[in-house]
């Protein structure tokens, strides 16, 4: 059928959407009020100083940036195949 995207393209876009959404979450969530009000109180007491530290939050933000790099790489790979 002409004009309909292939399943491969649909899956690729879904993966890229997920990676970008997860990237934004990991970049923004550690620095928001959500982190201090929801995440930190639910970790064991011994881990609170570690989870609440700027170094850990920065590492999570770096993990989020890595999600964007993987999404870009995935899109570039799909563009080469098309």
C-alpha atoms as a PDB file:
ATOM      1  CA  UNK A   1       0.000   0.000   0.000  1.00  0.00           C
ATOM      2  CA  UNK A   2       1.354   3.354  -0.996  1.00  0.00           C
ATOM      3  CA  UNK A   3       1.639   6.076   1.621  1.00  0.00           C
ATOM      4  CA  UNK A   4       1.390   3.895   4.716  1.00  0.00           C
ATOM      5  CA  UNK A   5       4.472   3.771   6.913  1.00  0.00           C
ATOM      6  CA  UNK A   6       6.108   0.404   7.363  1.00  0.00           C
ATOM      7  CA  UNK A   7       6.036  -1.292  10.755  1.00  0.00           C
ATOM      8  CA  UNK A   8       9.776  -0.751  10.966  1.00  0.00           C
ATOM      9  CA  UNK A   9       9.301   3.023  10.724  1.00  0.00           C
ATOM     10  CA  UNK A  10       6.491   2.958  13.293  1.00  0.00           C
ATOM     11  CA  UNK A  11       8.621   0.968  15.744  1.00  0.00           C
ATOM     12  CA  UNK A  12      11.598   3.275  15.139  1.00  0.00           C
ATOM     13  CA  UNK A  13       9.487   6.349  15.881  1.00  0.00           C
ATOM     14  CA  UNK A  14       8.067   4.709  19.012  1.00  0.00           C
ATOM     15  CA  UNK A  15      11.571   3.894  20.259  1.00  0.00           C
ATOM     16  CA  UNK A  16      12.795   7.420  19.526  1.00  0.00           C
ATOM     17  CA  UNK A  17       9.751   8.879  21.297  1.00  0.00           C
ATOM     18  CA  UNK A  18      10.429   6.691  24.347  1.00  0.00           C
ATOM     19  CA  UNK A  19      14.118   7.590  24.421  1.00  0.00           C
ATOM     20  CA  UNK A  20      13.360  11.316  24.212  1.00  0.00           C
ATOM     21  CA  UNK A  21      10.669  11.121  26.902  1.00  0.00           C
ATOM     22  CA  UNK A  22      12.963   9.152  29.212  1.00  0.00           C
ATOM     23  CA  UNK A  23      15.786  11.578  28.448  1.00  0.00           C
ATOM     24  CA  UNK A  24      13.680  14.565  29.467  1.00  0.00           C
ATOM     25  CA  UNK A  25      12.573  12.747  32.624  1.00  0.00           C
ATOM     26  CA  UNK A  26      16.131  11.895  33.688  1.00  0.00           C
ATOM     27  CA  UNK A  27      17.350  15.410  32.930  1.00  0.00           C
ATOM     28  CA  UNK A  28      14.544  17.321  34.657  1.00  0.00           C
ATOM     29  CA  UNK A  29      13.197  15.098  37.446  1.00  0.00           C
ATOM     30  CA  UNK A  30      16.289  15.032  39.706  1.00  0.00           C
ATOM     31  CA  UNK A  31      16.254  18.832  39.898  1.00  0.00           C
ATOM     32  CA  UNK A  32      12.511  19.284  40.460  1.00  0.00           C
ATOM     33  CA  UNK A  33      10.354  19.388  43.592  1.00  0.00           C
ATOM     34  CA  UNK A  34       9.057  15.953  42.548  1.00  0.00           C
ATOM     35  CA  UNK A  35      12.451  14.477  43.413  1.00  0.00           C
ATOM     36  CA  UNK A  36      12.514  15.893  46.927  1.00  0.00           C
ATOM     37  CA  UNK A  37       8.866  15.211  47.698  1.00  0.00           C
ATOM     38  CA  UNK A  38       8.309  11.791  46.100  1.00  0.00           C
ATOM     39  CA  UNK A  39      11.568   9.995  45.353  1.00  0.00           C
ATOM     40  CA  UNK A  40      13.870  10.890  48.234  1.00  0.00           C
ATOM     41  CA  UNK A  41      11.421  10.036  51.052  1.00  0.00           C
ATOM     42  CA  UNK A  42      10.853   6.548  49.591  1.00  0.00           C
ATOM     43  CA  UNK A  43      14.490   5.402  49.579  1.00  0.00           C
ATOM     44  CA  UNK A  44      16.038   3.665  52.605  1.00  0.00           C
ATOM     45  CA  UNK A  45      17.399   6.060  55.228  1.00  0.00           C
ATOM     46  CA  UNK A  46      21.012   5.083  54.584  1.00  0.00           C
ATOM     47  CA  UNK A  47      20.706   6.055  50.908  1.00  0.00           C
ATOM     48  CA  UNK A  48      18.999   9.438  51.343  1.00  0.00           C
ATOM     49  CA  UNK A  49      22.232  11.487  51.457  1.00  0.00           C
ATOM     50  CA  UNK A  50      23.483   9.720  48.344  1.00  0.00           C
ATOM     51  CA  UNK A  51      20.233  10.012  46.348  1.00  0.00           C
ATOM     52  CA  UNK A  52      19.822  13.658  47.364  1.00  0.00           C
ATOM     53  CA  UNK A  53      23.394  14.627  46.433  1.00  0.00           C
ATOM     54  CA  UNK A  54      24.065  16.923  43.463  1.00  0.00           C
ATOM     55  CA  UNK A  55      26.597  14.415  42.092  1.00  0.00           C
ATOM     56  CA  UNK A  56      23.965  11.674  41.842  1.00  0.00           C
ATOM     57  CA  UNK A  57      21.450  14.075  40.348  1.00  0.00           C
ATOM     58  CA  UNK A  58      24.018  15.177  37.786  1.00  0.00           C
ATOM     59  CA  UNK A  59      24.780  11.558  36.920  1.00  0.00           C
ATOM     60  CA  UNK A  60      21.073  10.960  36.270  1.00  0.00           C
ATOM     61  CA  UNK A  61      20.970  14.058  34.085  1.00  0.00           C
ATOM     62  CA  UNK A  62      23.947  12.723  32.140  1.00  0.00           C
ATOM     63  CA  UNK A  63      22.080   9.434  31.729  1.00  0.00           C
ATOM     64  CA  UNK A  64      19.183  11.456  30.294  1.00  0.00           C
ATOM     65  CA  UNK A  65      21.511  13.190  27.844  1.00  0.00           C
ATOM     66  CA  UNK A  66      22.769   9.757  26.806  1.00  0.00           C
ATOM     67  CA  UNK A  67      19.170   8.835  25.955  1.00  0.00           C
ATOM     68  CA  UNK A  68      19.075  11.731  23.476  1.00  0.00           C
ATOM     69  CA  UNK A  69      22.319  10.579  21.865  1.00  0.00           C
ATOM     70  CA  UNK A  70      20.944   7.062  21.456  1.00  0.00           C
ATOM     71  CA  UNK A  71      17.694   8.458  20.001  1.00  0.00           C
ATOM     72  CA  UNK A  72      19.662  10.515  17.478  1.00  0.00           C
ATOM     73  CA  UNK A  73      21.781   7.508  16.593  1.00  0.00           C
ATOM     74  CA  UNK A  74      18.662   5.366  16.154  1.00  0.00           C
ATOM     75  CA  UNK A  75      17.089   7.970  13.862  1.00  0.00           C
ATOM     76  CA  UNK A  76      20.272   8.301  11.816  1.00  0.00           C
ATOM     77  CA  UNK A  77      20.471   4.542  11.403  1.00  0.00           C
ATOM     78  CA  UNK A  78      16.857   4.321  10.271  1.00  0.00           C
ATOM     79  CA  UNK A  79      17.395   7.191   7.829  1.00  0.00           C
ATOM     80  CA  UNK A  80      20.328   5.326   6.268  1.00  0.00           C
ATOM     81  CA  UNK A  81      18.191   2.192   5.851  1.00  0.00           C
ATOM     82  CA  UNK A  82      15.320   4.087   4.202  1.00  0.00           C
END
